[in-house]
């Protein structure tokens, strides 16, 4: 197991020493990050400055991709999970690890392989001969940020181990439920499903991810800068945290308070409902997608320095939030239509509410 699972234990050990908590989580009903009450809110200026520092830190590793980094920050502040999908070698794992290292919190990394078991992810109950009972040994999912590398190389049985974790922020093992600390974010990478030796993520798994991004190849100028700066040195080795868990939790509370008018809320519902009526789509976006779209739009508005959401915020996050949830018909595939094309067409077709660019 140790060869496939790597945990950043120093930060975790510091957190345990500071909080005085036991190294293993306890069953439901005990004190956890979710039950300790909400953190105080940060100002928009503090949110903008902290997000700028995190983005600048990540950009030291992922050169020339500010839009991808912004979506990653939106997902973090929206209390969601990020799926990074692209061909090998474009920086998927580097993005995930750079974002995780930019925040001083507990971090774990799971290398998904075909022989990985669900208990390797969630943890397992082990019999203690001294006490005469079973004790729970947590898996790498018990961290603030979980980096899942090549998630589609594991079997569907192992992939499903993340379903409860991602949606309910808890783990159930042997009838006992263990809560996960906040903030909790899964950053998973995967190669395109047609690559050899992979398992396509089922719809229920994809729906748990708030957003999906594709990094793509860098332009020549960015690639030249990467060669000059990274060829002889790994920038991840020198990356230091620029924020911590408590600060991120305060930023999340700020995003929760961003105002969304009834007209904009109705517009968000209409956008998602439209995905269920397009002939090219066999399976439209779920109500969970509506909630994730609203949360992402609030985060986008906060990063833009506004205390309220406008339709442009929904337009900015619609493709990353909705496209990966849609299942197209065979005719759409034959016509070479992508889910991204369909979402953009919906954005052009659904009328924008008038007078919604202010509070």
Protein backbone atom coordinates (compact mmCIF):
# COMPACT_ATOMS: atom_id res chain seq x y z
CA UNK A 1 0.00 0.00 0.00
CA UNK A 2 2.79 2.42 0.80
CA UNK A 3 4.09 2.35 -2.76
CA UNK A 4 0.75 3.61 -4.09
CA UNK A 5 -0.29 6.02 -1.37
CA UNK A 6 1.79 9.00 -0.35
CA UNK A 7 0.69 11.36 2.42
CA UNK A 8 2.14 14.69 3.44
CA UNK A 9 2.45 13.67 7.06
CA UNK A 10 4.44 16.67 8.44
CA UNK A 11 1.55 19.09 8.00
CA UNK A 12 -0.87 16.49 9.30
CA UNK A 13 1.25 15.87 12.37
CA UNK A 14 1.51 19.59 13.05
CA UNK A 15 -2.27 19.89 12.81
CA UNK A 16 -2.72 17.05 15.29
CA UNK A 17 -0.27 18.55 17.73
CA UNK A 18 -1.84 21.97 17.49
CA UNK A 19 -5.37 20.74 17.95
CA UNK A 20 -4.58 18.05 20.48
CA UNK A 21 -6.75 15.58 18.56
CA UNK A 22 -6.10 11.88 18.26
CA UNK A 23 -4.25 10.76 15.12
CA UNK A 24 -7.26 8.72 14.00
CA UNK A 25 -10.75 10.05 13.32
CA UNK A 26 -13.58 9.05 15.59
CA UNK A 27 -17.05 7.90 14.70
CA UNK A 28 -19.95 10.22 13.95
CA UNK A 29 -21.12 12.30 16.87
CA UNK A 30 -17.61 13.29 17.91
CA UNK A 31 -16.06 16.70 17.36
CA UNK A 32 -15.11 17.38 13.76
CA UNK A 33 -14.43 20.34 11.51
CA UNK A 34 -17.98 20.21 10.19
CA UNK A 35 -19.49 20.32 13.68
CA UNK A 36 -17.33 23.00 15.25
CA UNK A 37 -19.34 25.83 13.72
CA UNK A 38 -18.60 28.10 10.82
CA UNK A 39 -15.52 30.27 10.62
CA UNK A 40 -15.74 34.03 10.45
CA UNK A 41 -16.01 35.63 7.04
CA UNK A 42 -13.18 37.42 5.27
CA UNK A 43 -13.51 40.68 3.36
CA UNK A 44 -13.52 40.71 -0.42
CA UNK A 45 -10.15 42.47 -0.37
CA UNK A 46 -8.67 39.68 1.73
CA UNK A 47 -10.24 37.08 -0.55
CA UNK A 48 -8.83 38.75 -3.65
CA UNK A 49 -5.33 39.07 -2.15
CA UNK A 50 -5.24 35.48 -0.90
CA UNK A 51 -6.49 34.15 -4.23
CA UNK A 52 -3.87 36.24 -6.05
CA UNK A 53 -1.08 34.75 -3.93
CA UNK A 54 -2.31 31.19 -4.48
CA UNK A 55 -2.69 31.75 -8.23
CA UNK A 56 0.80 33.27 -8.50
CA UNK A 57 2.21 30.32 -6.58
CA UNK A 58 0.54 27.77 -8.85
CA UNK A 59 1.58 29.69 -11.96
CA UNK A 60 5.21 29.16 -11.00
CA UNK A 61 4.57 25.50 -11.81
CA UNK A 62 1.89 25.68 -14.52
CA UNK A 63 3.08 28.39 -16.88
CA UNK A 64 0.72 30.22 -19.20
CA UNK A 65 -2.60 28.77 -17.97
CA UNK A 66 -4.29 31.51 -15.87
CA UNK A 67 -7.83 30.47 -16.89
CA UNK A 68 -7.26 26.89 -15.72
CA UNK A 69 -5.83 28.12 -12.41
CA UNK A 70 -8.82 30.43 -11.91
CA UNK A 71 -11.28 27.57 -12.39
CA UNK A 72 -9.29 25.56 -9.83
CA UNK A 73 -9.63 28.44 -7.35
CA UNK A 74 -13.34 28.79 -8.12
CA UNK A 75 -13.80 25.10 -7.37
CA UNK A 76 -11.89 25.38 -4.10
CA UNK A 77 -13.95 28.36 -2.91
CA UNK A 78 -17.19 26.72 -4.06
CA UNK A 79 -16.49 23.75 -1.75
CA UNK A 80 -16.30 21.46 -4.76
CA UNK A 81 -14.05 18.92 -6.41
CA UNK A 82 -11.98 19.32 -9.56
CA UNK A 83 -11.46 16.85 -12.40
CA UNK A 84 -8.44 17.58 -14.60
CA UNK A 85 -8.72 15.66 -17.85
CA UNK A 86 -6.15 15.75 -20.63
CA UNK A 87 -3.49 13.79 -22.45
CA UNK A 88 -0.31 12.79 -20.59
CA UNK A 89 2.45 15.28 -19.98
CA UNK A 90 0.58 18.61 -19.99
CA UNK A 91 0.76 19.25 -16.24
CA UNK A 92 -2.38 17.68 -14.76
CA UNK A 93 -0.67 16.32 -11.64
CA UNK A 94 1.52 19.42 -11.37
CA UNK A 95 -1.59 21.63 -11.18
CA UNK A 96 -3.13 19.45 -8.48
CA UNK A 97 0.05 19.23 -6.39
CA UNK A 98 0.85 22.94 -6.77
CA UNK A 99 -2.61 23.97 -5.55
CA UNK A 100 -2.37 21.53 -2.65
CA UNK A 101 1.09 22.76 -1.62
CA UNK A 102 0.01 26.40 -1.78
CA UNK A 103 -2.25 25.84 1.23
CA UNK A 104 -0.84 24.84 4.61
CA UNK A 105 -3.22 21.98 5.37
CA UNK A 106 -3.24 18.20 5.38
CA UNK A 107 -2.61 16.77 1.93
CA UNK A 108 -2.57 13.19 0.65
CA UNK A 109 -1.93 11.68 -2.75
CA UNK A 110 -3.39 8.47 -4.15
CA UNK A 111 -1.93 6.83 -7.22
CA UNK A 112 -4.87 4.96 -8.71
CA UNK A 113 -3.95 1.59 -10.20
CA UNK A 114 -6.00 -1.43 -11.34
CA UNK A 115 -5.17 -3.36 -8.15
CA UNK A 116 -6.08 -0.55 -5.74
CA UNK A 117 -8.82 -1.56 -3.28
CA UNK A 118 -11.58 0.63 -1.78
CA UNK A 119 -10.08 0.15 1.70
CA UNK A 120 -6.79 1.55 0.37
CA UNK A 121 -8.68 4.81 -0.13
CA UNK A 122 -11.10 5.03 2.80
CA UNK A 123 -9.29 3.04 5.49
CA UNK A 124 -9.83 -0.27 7.24
CA UNK A 125 -10.76 -1.65 10.65
CA UNK A 126 -7.95 -3.71 12.19
CA UNK A 127 -8.29 -6.10 15.11
CA UNK A 128 -6.26 -5.02 18.15
CA UNK A 129 -5.26 -8.06 20.16
CA UNK A 130 -4.38 -5.97 23.22
CA UNK A 131 -7.75 -4.25 23.49
CA UNK A 132 -9.70 -7.18 22.08
CA UNK A 133 -11.56 -4.96 19.64
CA UNK A 134 -11.31 -3.39 16.21
CA UNK A 135 -9.78 0.03 15.65
CA UNK A 136 -10.11 2.13 12.52
CA UNK A 137 -7.01 3.05 10.55
CA UNK A 138 -7.92 5.92 8.21
CA UNK A 139 -6.97 5.94 4.55
CA UNK A 140 -5.50 8.83 2.58
CA UNK A 141 -8.96 10.31 1.96
CA UNK A 142 -8.76 11.77 5.50
CA UNK A 143 -7.06 14.99 4.45
CA UNK A 144 -8.12 18.50 3.51
CA UNK A 145 -6.92 18.12 -0.07
CA UNK A 146 -6.80 14.70 -1.72
CA UNK A 147 -4.90 14.40 -4.99
CA UNK A 148 -6.11 11.40 -7.00
CA UNK A 149 -3.68 10.71 -9.83
CA UNK A 150 -5.11 8.94 -12.91
CA UNK A 151 -8.40 8.13 -11.21
CA UNK A 152 -9.71 6.27 -14.27
CA UNK A 153 -6.96 3.65 -14.02
CA UNK A 154 -8.65 2.13 -10.96
CA UNK A 155 -11.57 -0.26 -11.25
CA UNK A 156 -15.14 1.08 -10.89
CA UNK A 157 -15.33 -0.68 -7.53
CA UNK A 158 -12.46 1.46 -6.20
CA UNK A 159 -13.70 4.62 -7.90
CA UNK A 160 -17.00 4.23 -6.05
CA UNK A 161 -15.17 4.47 -2.72
CA UNK A 162 -15.06 8.24 -3.28
CA UNK A 163 -18.80 8.70 -3.85
CA UNK A 164 -19.77 9.15 -0.19
CA UNK A 165 -16.61 11.08 0.61
CA UNK A 166 -17.13 13.66 -2.10
CA UNK A 167 -20.84 14.21 -1.61
CA UNK A 168 -21.34 13.87 2.15
CA UNK A 169 -17.83 14.57 3.48
CA UNK A 170 -17.86 11.37 5.49
CA UNK A 171 -16.71 7.76 5.34
CA UNK A 172 -18.71 4.73 6.47
CA UNK A 173 -16.75 1.59 7.37
CA UNK A 174 -18.23 -1.39 9.20
CA UNK A 175 -21.43 0.52 10.16
CA UNK A 176 -19.40 3.39 11.69
CA UNK A 177 -19.38 6.83 10.10
CA UNK A 178 -16.33 9.11 10.25
CA UNK A 179 -16.52 12.78 9.32
CA UNK A 180 -13.94 14.49 7.14
CA UNK A 181 -12.40 17.80 8.16
CA UNK A 182 -13.27 21.01 6.31
CA UNK A 183 -12.28 22.23 3.86
CA UNK A 184 -12.29 19.00 1.88
CA UNK A 185 -11.44 18.89 -1.81
CA UNK A 186 -10.64 16.08 -4.23
CA UNK A 187 -8.44 17.02 -7.19
CA UNK A 188 -8.44 14.08 -9.60
CA UNK A 189 -6.60 13.69 -12.88
CA UNK A 190 -7.44 11.35 -15.70
CA UNK A 191 -6.38 10.55 -19.23
CA UNK A 192 -9.00 10.52 -21.98
CA UNK A 193 -11.17 7.42 -21.68
CA UNK A 194 -10.03 6.03 -25.04
CA UNK A 195 -6.47 5.62 -23.75
CA UNK A 196 -5.38 2.03 -23.14
CA UNK A 197 -5.85 0.56 -19.66
CA UNK A 198 -8.45 2.99 -18.33
CA UNK A 199 -12.02 2.73 -17.00
CA UNK A 200 -14.50 5.45 -17.90
CA UNK A 201 -15.87 7.27 -14.87
CA UNK A 202 -19.59 6.46 -14.40
CA UNK A 203 -22.13 9.28 -14.54
CA UNK A 204 -22.61 9.26 -10.75
CA UNK A 205 -18.88 9.77 -10.25
CA UNK A 206 -18.57 12.57 -12.81
CA UNK A 207 -21.57 14.33 -11.27
CA UNK A 208 -19.69 14.61 -7.96
CA UNK A 209 -17.03 16.79 -9.57
CA UNK A 210 -17.97 20.45 -9.51
CA UNK A 211 -15.87 21.32 -12.54
CA UNK A 212 -13.74 19.71 -15.21
CA UNK A 213 -10.84 21.45 -16.91
CA UNK A 214 -8.54 20.50 -19.76
CA UNK A 215 -5.13 22.12 -19.58
CA UNK A 216 -4.17 21.74 -23.24
CA UNK A 217 -0.79 22.30 -24.80
CA UNK A 218 1.00 25.59 -23.97
CA UNK A 219 1.76 28.13 -26.65
CA UNK A 220 5.36 28.38 -27.87
CA UNK A 221 6.21 31.36 -25.66
CA UNK A 222 4.92 29.64 -22.50
CA UNK A 223 6.64 26.39 -23.44
CA UNK A 224 9.92 28.24 -24.02
CA UNK A 225 9.59 29.90 -20.60
CA UNK A 226 8.91 26.48 -19.10
CA UNK A 227 12.06 25.06 -20.70
CA UNK A 228 14.17 27.96 -19.43
CA UNK A 229 12.87 27.76 -15.86
CA UNK A 230 12.00 24.08 -15.33
CA UNK A 231 14.44 22.06 -17.43
CA UNK A 232 17.10 21.91 -14.74
CA UNK A 233 14.96 22.34 -11.65
CA UNK A 234 11.59 21.17 -10.36
CA UNK A 235 9.63 24.24 -9.17
CA UNK A 236 7.41 22.05 -6.97
CA UNK A 237 10.43 21.38 -4.74
CA UNK A 238 10.62 25.03 -3.65
CA UNK A 239 6.90 25.77 -3.47
CA UNK A 240 5.90 27.12 -0.05
CA UNK A 241 2.37 27.59 1.34
CA UNK A 242 0.93 31.08 0.92
CA UNK A 243 -2.29 30.41 2.86
CA UNK A 244 -3.61 27.99 5.46
CA UNK A 245 -6.70 25.94 6.20
CA UNK A 246 -8.35 28.51 8.45
CA UNK A 247 -7.88 31.30 5.90
CA UNK A 248 -9.38 29.19 3.13
CA UNK A 249 -12.35 28.34 5.34
CA UNK A 250 -12.92 32.06 5.97
CA UNK A 251 -12.85 32.70 2.22
CA UNK A 252 -15.41 29.94 1.71
CA UNK A 253 -17.70 31.61 4.25
CA UNK A 254 -17.36 34.84 2.29
CA UNK A 255 -18.37 33.10 -0.93
CA UNK A 256 -21.42 31.59 0.78
CA UNK A 257 -22.66 35.09 1.57
CA UNK A 258 -22.40 36.45 -1.99
CA UNK A 259 -25.83 37.70 -3.03
CA UNK A 260 -27.75 36.14 -5.92
CA UNK A 261 -30.96 37.83 -6.97
CA UNK A 262 -34.13 35.82 -7.68
CA UNK A 263 -33.80 36.64 -11.40
CA UNK A 264 -30.26 35.27 -11.59
CA UNK A 265 -31.22 32.18 -9.58
CA UNK A 266 -34.08 31.55 -12.00
CA UNK A 267 -31.67 32.03 -14.92
CA UNK A 268 -29.33 29.39 -13.46
CA UNK A 269 -32.22 26.93 -13.16
CA UNK A 270 -33.29 27.65 -16.74
CA UNK A 271 -29.78 26.98 -18.04
CA UNK A 272 -29.63 23.59 -16.34
CA UNK A 273 -33.20 22.71 -17.30
CA UNK A 274 -32.37 23.45 -20.94
CA UNK A 275 -29.80 20.63 -20.93
CA UNK A 276 -32.65 18.17 -20.30
CA UNK A 277 -34.61 19.34 -23.35
CA UNK A 278 -31.95 19.42 -26.07
CA UNK A 279 -32.38 16.56 -28.59
CA UNK A 280 -28.61 16.08 -28.79
CA UNK A 281 -28.40 15.21 -25.08
CA UNK A 282 -29.40 11.76 -23.83
CA UNK A 283 -28.83 12.61 -20.14
CA UNK A 284 -29.02 16.21 -18.97
CA UNK A 285 -27.55 17.90 -15.91
CA UNK A 286 -28.90 16.94 -12.49
CA UNK A 287 -30.27 19.16 -9.70
CA UNK A 288 -26.85 18.72 -8.06
CA UNK A 289 -25.43 20.45 -11.12
CA UNK A 290 -27.72 23.43 -10.45
CA UNK A 291 -26.42 23.76 -6.91
CA UNK A 292 -22.81 23.46 -8.10
CA UNK A 293 -23.40 26.03 -10.82
CA UNK A 294 -24.77 28.51 -8.28
CA UNK A 295 -21.88 27.93 -5.87
CA UNK A 296 -19.30 28.29 -8.63
CA UNK A 297 -20.95 31.50 -9.87
CA UNK A 298 -20.79 32.93 -6.35
CA UNK A 299 -17.07 32.08 -6.16
CA UNK A 300 -16.49 33.63 -9.58
CA UNK A 301 -18.27 36.81 -8.49
CA UNK A 302 -16.20 37.02 -5.29
CA UNK A 303 -12.95 36.56 -7.22
CA UNK A 304 -14.10 39.41 -9.49
CA UNK A 305 -14.51 41.66 -6.44
CA UNK A 306 -18.29 41.71 -6.37
CA UNK A 307 -20.70 40.91 -3.56
CA UNK A 308 -23.40 39.84 -6.00
CA UNK A 309 -23.70 37.47 -8.97
CA UNK A 310 -24.38 38.63 -12.52
CA UNK A 311 -25.24 36.45 -15.55
CA UNK A 312 -21.67 36.78 -16.84
CA UNK A 313 -20.51 34.81 -13.79
CA UNK A 314 -22.81 31.95 -14.79
CA UNK A 315 -21.52 32.14 -18.37
CA UNK A 316 -17.91 31.95 -17.19
CA UNK A 317 -18.37 28.77 -15.17
CA UNK A 318 -21.14 27.07 -17.18
CA UNK A 319 -18.88 25.01 -19.47
CA UNK A 320 -16.51 23.70 -16.75
CA UNK A 321 -19.45 22.92 -14.43
CA UNK A 322 -21.98 21.44 -16.88
CA UNK A 323 -20.21 19.92 -19.89
CA UNK A 324 -18.72 16.84 -18.19
CA UNK A 325 -22.13 15.88 -16.74
CA UNK A 326 -23.89 15.58 -20.10
CA UNK A 327 -24.30 12.34 -22.04
CA UNK A 328 -24.70 13.00 -25.76
CA UNK A 329 -26.72 10.93 -28.20
CA UNK A 330 -25.13 8.75 -30.85
CA UNK A 331 -26.28 11.22 -33.50
CA UNK A 332 -24.49 14.07 -31.74
CA UNK A 333 -21.27 12.07 -31.62
CA UNK A 334 -21.66 11.22 -35.30
CA UNK A 335 -22.07 14.92 -36.08
CA UNK A 336 -18.87 15.59 -34.08
CA UNK A 337 -20.72 17.73 -31.56
CA UNK A 338 -19.15 17.97 -28.12
CA UNK A 339 -20.79 18.66 -24.77
CA UNK A 340 -18.92 21.97 -24.70
CA UNK A 341 -20.54 22.97 -28.02
CA UNK A 342 -23.99 22.10 -26.68
CA UNK A 343 -23.53 24.11 -23.47
CA UNK A 344 -22.35 27.14 -25.43
CA UNK A 345 -25.37 26.86 -27.71
CA UNK A 346 -27.64 26.79 -24.67
CA UNK A 347 -25.98 29.93 -23.30
CA UNK A 348 -26.79 31.71 -26.56
CA UNK A 349 -30.36 30.39 -26.72
CA UNK A 350 -31.64 30.93 -23.16
CA UNK A 351 -32.53 34.62 -22.76
CA UNK A 352 -30.57 36.60 -20.18
CA UNK A 353 -32.80 38.24 -17.54
CA UNK A 354 -33.07 41.98 -18.00
CA UNK A 355 -31.82 44.29 -15.28
CA UNK A 356 -29.86 41.47 -13.58
CA UNK A 357 -26.40 43.04 -13.74
CA UNK A 358 -26.82 44.62 -10.34
CA UNK A 359 -28.25 43.75 -6.96
